[in-house]
């Protein structure tokens, strides 16, 4: 993610959760080299039967197509240029 730290945590707004997760998964899938580890945590069940489930990256990250990777990297570079210009 933007800080380049090895681990970051985010809590997106409920109404933006799906878009946020899709963006994060795409971001992870186009990284080279791939992250050594990535996990998605979710709550399964209801009431007293709730339990926290950890999914490893192979369980929730689909392999991105070459076109998706190229497009995402192009967009990411453009976004970084705008951010750098704003900070200058």
N, C-alpha and C. Protein backbone atom coordinates (compact mmCIF):
# COMPACT_ATOMS: atom_id res chain seq x y z
N UNK A 1 0.84 -1.18 0.00
CA UNK A 1 0.00 0.00 0.00
C UNK A 1 0.89 1.24 0.00
N UNK A 2 0.30 2.41 0.04
CA UNK A 2 1.06 3.64 -0.20
C UNK A 2 2.29 3.89 0.67
N UNK A 3 2.33 3.38 1.91
CA UNK A 3 3.48 3.66 2.75
C UNK A 3 4.63 2.69 2.54
N UNK A 4 4.41 1.65 1.77
CA UNK A 4 5.42 0.62 1.53
C UNK A 4 5.87 -0.09 2.80
N UNK A 5 5.07 -0.06 3.83
CA UNK A 5 5.38 -0.83 5.04
C UNK A 5 4.97 -2.28 4.81
N UNK A 6 5.60 -3.18 5.56
CA UNK A 6 5.33 -4.60 5.32
C UNK A 6 3.93 -5.01 5.74
N UNK A 7 3.31 -4.27 6.63
CA UNK A 7 1.96 -4.61 7.06
C UNK A 7 1.19 -3.33 7.33
N UNK A 8 0.00 -3.25 6.78
CA UNK A 8 -0.85 -2.09 6.99
C UNK A 8 -2.27 -2.56 7.24
N UNK A 9 -3.01 -1.80 8.02
CA UNK A 9 -4.39 -2.14 8.35
C UNK A 9 -5.29 -0.98 7.96
N UNK A 10 -6.42 -1.33 7.41
CA UNK A 10 -7.40 -0.33 6.99
C UNK A 10 -8.78 -0.76 7.45
N UNK A 11 -9.62 0.20 7.75
CA UNK A 11 -11.02 -0.08 8.06
C UNK A 11 -11.87 0.82 7.18
N UNK A 12 -12.21 0.34 5.99
CA UNK A 12 -13.01 1.17 5.07
C UNK A 12 -14.44 1.32 5.56
N UNK A 13 -15.09 2.38 5.12
CA UNK A 13 -16.51 2.56 5.42
C UNK A 13 -17.29 1.38 4.86
N UNK A 14 -18.35 1.01 5.54
CA UNK A 14 -19.14 -0.15 5.14
C UNK A 14 -19.65 -0.02 3.71
N UNK A 15 -20.06 1.17 3.29
CA UNK A 15 -20.60 1.34 1.95
C UNK A 15 -19.51 1.27 0.88
N UNK A 16 -18.25 1.45 1.25
CA UNK A 16 -17.14 1.40 0.29
C UNK A 16 -16.33 0.12 0.40
N UNK A 17 -16.73 -0.80 1.26
CA UNK A 17 -15.93 -1.99 1.55
C UNK A 17 -15.62 -2.81 0.31
N UNK A 18 -16.63 -3.14 -0.47
CA UNK A 18 -16.42 -4.00 -1.64
C UNK A 18 -15.45 -3.37 -2.63
N UNK A 19 -15.63 -2.10 -2.96
CA UNK A 19 -14.73 -1.42 -3.89
C UNK A 19 -13.31 -1.37 -3.33
N UNK A 20 -13.20 -1.11 -2.03
CA UNK A 20 -11.89 -1.04 -1.38
C UNK A 20 -11.17 -2.39 -1.49
N UNK A 21 -11.87 -3.47 -1.17
CA UNK A 21 -11.27 -4.80 -1.20
C UNK A 21 -10.87 -5.19 -2.62
N UNK A 22 -11.73 -4.91 -3.59
CA UNK A 22 -11.39 -5.21 -4.99
C UNK A 22 -10.12 -4.47 -5.39
N UNK A 23 -9.99 -3.21 -5.00
CA UNK A 23 -8.81 -2.42 -5.33
C UNK A 23 -7.57 -3.00 -4.65
N UNK A 24 -7.70 -3.36 -3.39
CA UNK A 24 -6.56 -3.93 -2.65
C UNK A 24 -6.12 -5.25 -3.28
N UNK A 25 -7.07 -6.11 -3.61
CA UNK A 25 -6.71 -7.39 -4.21
C UNK A 25 -6.02 -7.20 -5.55
N UNK A 26 -6.49 -6.24 -6.35
CA UNK A 26 -5.84 -5.96 -7.63
C UNK A 26 -4.42 -5.43 -7.37
N UNK A 27 -4.28 -4.55 -6.40
CA UNK A 27 -2.97 -3.99 -6.06
C UNK A 27 -2.00 -5.11 -5.69
N UNK A 28 -2.45 -6.03 -4.86
CA UNK A 28 -1.59 -7.14 -4.44
C UNK A 28 -1.26 -8.05 -5.62
N UNK A 29 -2.24 -8.32 -6.46
CA UNK A 29 -2.04 -9.29 -7.55
C UNK A 29 -1.06 -8.81 -8.61
N UNK A 30 -0.84 -7.51 -8.73
CA UNK A 30 0.06 -7.01 -9.77
C UNK A 30 1.45 -6.70 -9.25
N UNK A 31 1.71 -6.90 -7.98
CA UNK A 31 3.02 -6.61 -7.43
C UNK A 31 4.06 -7.60 -7.93
N UNK A 32 5.22 -7.11 -8.26
CA UNK A 32 6.34 -7.96 -8.64
C UNK A 32 7.56 -7.47 -7.89
N UNK A 33 8.20 -8.25 -7.09
CA UNK A 33 7.79 -9.63 -6.81
C UNK A 33 6.51 -9.66 -5.98
N UNK A 34 5.80 -10.78 -6.05
CA UNK A 34 4.57 -10.93 -5.28
C UNK A 34 4.89 -10.85 -3.79
N UNK A 35 3.94 -10.36 -3.00
CA UNK A 35 4.15 -10.38 -1.55
C UNK A 35 4.34 -11.83 -1.09
N UNK A 36 5.24 -12.02 -0.13
CA UNK A 36 5.45 -13.38 0.37
C UNK A 36 4.17 -13.92 1.01
N UNK A 37 3.50 -13.07 1.76
CA UNK A 37 2.28 -13.50 2.43
C UNK A 37 1.25 -12.38 2.38
N UNK A 38 0.01 -12.76 2.23
CA UNK A 38 -1.11 -11.82 2.31
C UNK A 38 -2.29 -12.62 2.84
N UNK A 39 -3.02 -12.03 3.76
CA UNK A 39 -4.14 -12.73 4.37
C UNK A 39 -5.39 -11.86 4.35
N UNK A 40 -6.53 -12.51 4.29
CA UNK A 40 -7.82 -11.84 4.43
C UNK A 40 -8.49 -12.48 5.64
N UNK A 41 -8.89 -11.66 6.58
CA UNK A 41 -9.58 -12.15 7.77
C UNK A 41 -11.05 -11.82 7.65
N UNK A 42 -11.90 -12.77 8.00
CA UNK A 42 -13.33 -12.52 7.96
C UNK A 42 -14.00 -13.28 9.09
N UNK A 43 -15.19 -12.81 9.45
CA UNK A 43 -15.97 -13.45 10.49
C UNK A 43 -16.99 -14.36 9.82
N UNK A 44 -17.05 -15.59 10.29
CA UNK A 44 -18.00 -16.56 9.76
C UNK A 44 -18.97 -16.95 10.86
N UNK A 45 -20.22 -17.18 10.49
CA UNK A 45 -21.22 -17.60 11.46
C UNK A 45 -21.94 -16.41 12.08
N UNK A 46 -22.86 -16.72 12.99
CA UNK A 46 -23.63 -15.68 13.67
C UNK A 46 -23.69 -15.97 15.15
N UNK A 47 -23.95 -14.91 15.91
CA UNK A 47 -24.12 -15.06 17.36
C UNK A 47 -22.94 -15.73 18.03
N UNK A 48 -23.22 -16.69 18.89
CA UNK A 48 -22.16 -17.39 19.62
C UNK A 48 -21.33 -18.31 18.73
N UNK A 49 -21.82 -18.58 17.52
CA UNK A 49 -21.12 -19.47 16.59
C UNK A 49 -20.13 -18.72 15.69
N UNK A 50 -19.90 -17.43 15.96
CA UNK A 50 -18.98 -16.66 15.13
C UNK A 50 -17.54 -17.11 15.38
N UNK A 51 -16.79 -17.17 14.31
CA UNK A 51 -15.37 -17.42 14.45
C UNK A 51 -14.62 -16.65 13.38
N UNK A 52 -13.40 -16.30 13.70
CA UNK A 52 -12.54 -15.55 12.79
C UNK A 52 -11.82 -16.54 11.88
N UNK A 53 -11.90 -16.29 10.58
CA UNK A 53 -11.27 -17.17 9.60
C UNK A 53 -10.18 -16.39 8.88
N UNK A 54 -9.02 -17.01 8.76
CA UNK A 54 -7.91 -16.40 8.01
C UNK A 54 -7.75 -17.16 6.71
N UNK A 55 -7.81 -16.43 5.59
CA UNK A 55 -7.59 -17.03 4.28
C UNK A 55 -6.22 -16.58 3.76
N UNK A 56 -5.44 -17.52 3.27
CA UNK A 56 -4.15 -17.20 2.68
C UNK A 56 -4.38 -16.64 1.28
N UNK A 57 -3.42 -15.91 0.74
CA UNK A 57 -3.61 -15.21 -0.53
C UNK A 57 -4.07 -16.10 -1.67
N UNK A 58 -3.64 -17.37 -1.70
CA UNK A 58 -4.06 -18.26 -2.78
C UNK A 58 -5.56 -18.54 -2.73
N UNK A 59 -6.19 -18.32 -1.59
CA UNK A 59 -7.61 -18.58 -1.44
C UNK A 59 -8.48 -17.41 -1.90
N UNK A 60 -7.94 -16.20 -1.94
CA UNK A 60 -8.80 -15.06 -2.25
C UNK A 60 -8.28 -14.15 -3.35
N UNK A 61 -7.08 -14.38 -3.83
CA UNK A 61 -6.54 -13.54 -4.91
C UNK A 61 -6.55 -14.33 -6.20
N UNK A 62 -7.33 -13.87 -7.16
CA UNK A 62 -7.33 -14.49 -8.48
C UNK A 62 -6.12 -13.98 -9.26
N UNK A 63 -5.59 -14.79 -10.12
CA UNK A 63 -4.47 -14.36 -10.96
C UNK A 63 -4.99 -13.30 -11.93
N UNK A 64 -4.34 -12.16 -11.93
CA UNK A 64 -4.73 -11.07 -12.82
C UNK A 64 -4.20 -11.35 -14.23
N UNK A 65 -4.97 -10.94 -15.22
CA UNK A 65 -4.51 -11.11 -16.61
C UNK A 65 -3.40 -10.10 -16.89
N UNK A 66 -2.62 -10.36 -17.92
CA UNK A 66 -1.54 -9.46 -18.29
C UNK A 66 -2.08 -8.07 -18.60
N UNK A 67 -3.21 -7.99 -19.30
CA UNK A 67 -3.81 -6.69 -19.61
C UNK A 67 -4.21 -5.94 -18.35
N UNK A 68 -4.77 -6.67 -17.37
CA UNK A 68 -5.14 -6.04 -16.09
C UNK A 68 -3.91 -5.50 -15.38
N UNK A 69 -2.84 -6.27 -15.39
CA UNK A 69 -1.60 -5.84 -14.73
C UNK A 69 -1.04 -4.58 -15.38
N UNK A 70 -1.00 -4.57 -16.69
CA UNK A 70 -0.47 -3.41 -17.42
C UNK A 70 -1.33 -2.17 -17.15
N UNK A 71 -2.65 -2.34 -17.23
CA UNK A 71 -3.55 -1.20 -16.98
C UNK A 71 -3.42 -0.69 -15.55
N UNK A 72 -3.38 -1.59 -14.61
CA UNK A 72 -3.29 -1.18 -13.20
C UNK A 72 -1.98 -0.47 -12.93
N UNK A 73 -0.88 -0.99 -13.46
CA UNK A 73 0.41 -0.33 -13.24
C UNK A 73 0.44 1.04 -13.87
N UNK A 74 -0.16 1.19 -15.06
CA UNK A 74 -0.22 2.49 -15.71
C UNK A 74 -1.00 3.48 -14.85
N UNK A 75 -2.15 3.04 -14.35
CA UNK A 75 -2.97 3.90 -13.48
C UNK A 75 -2.24 4.23 -12.18
N UNK A 76 -1.53 3.26 -11.63
CA UNK A 76 -0.81 3.46 -10.37
C UNK A 76 0.32 4.48 -10.55
N UNK A 77 1.06 4.38 -11.65
CA UNK A 77 2.13 5.33 -11.93
C UNK A 77 1.55 6.73 -12.11
N UNK A 78 0.44 6.85 -12.84
CA UNK A 78 -0.20 8.15 -13.03
C UNK A 78 -0.65 8.74 -11.70
N UNK A 79 -1.22 7.90 -10.84
CA UNK A 79 -1.66 8.36 -9.52
C UNK A 79 -0.47 8.85 -8.69
N UNK A 80 0.65 8.14 -8.74
CA UNK A 80 1.85 8.54 -7.99
C UNK A 80 2.41 9.86 -8.52
N UNK A 81 2.34 10.08 -9.83
CA UNK A 81 2.82 11.35 -10.39
C UNK A 81 1.98 12.51 -9.88
N UNK A 82 0.67 12.34 -9.83
CA UNK A 82 -0.23 13.38 -9.32
C UNK A 82 0.08 13.64 -7.84
N UNK A 83 0.27 12.57 -7.08
CA UNK A 83 0.56 12.71 -5.65
C UNK A 83 1.89 13.42 -5.43
N UNK A 84 2.91 13.07 -6.23
CA UNK A 84 4.21 13.69 -6.09
C UNK A 84 4.13 15.19 -6.44
N UNK A 85 3.38 15.52 -7.50
CA UNK A 85 3.24 16.92 -7.90
C UNK A 85 2.51 17.71 -6.81
N UNK A 86 1.52 17.09 -6.18
CA UNK A 86 0.77 17.77 -5.12
C UNK A 86 1.66 18.05 -3.92
N UNK A 87 2.60 17.15 -3.61
CA UNK A 87 3.47 17.31 -2.45
C UNK A 87 4.64 18.24 -2.72
N UNK A 88 4.92 18.50 -3.98
CA UNK A 88 6.07 19.37 -4.33
C UNK A 88 5.76 20.82 -4.13
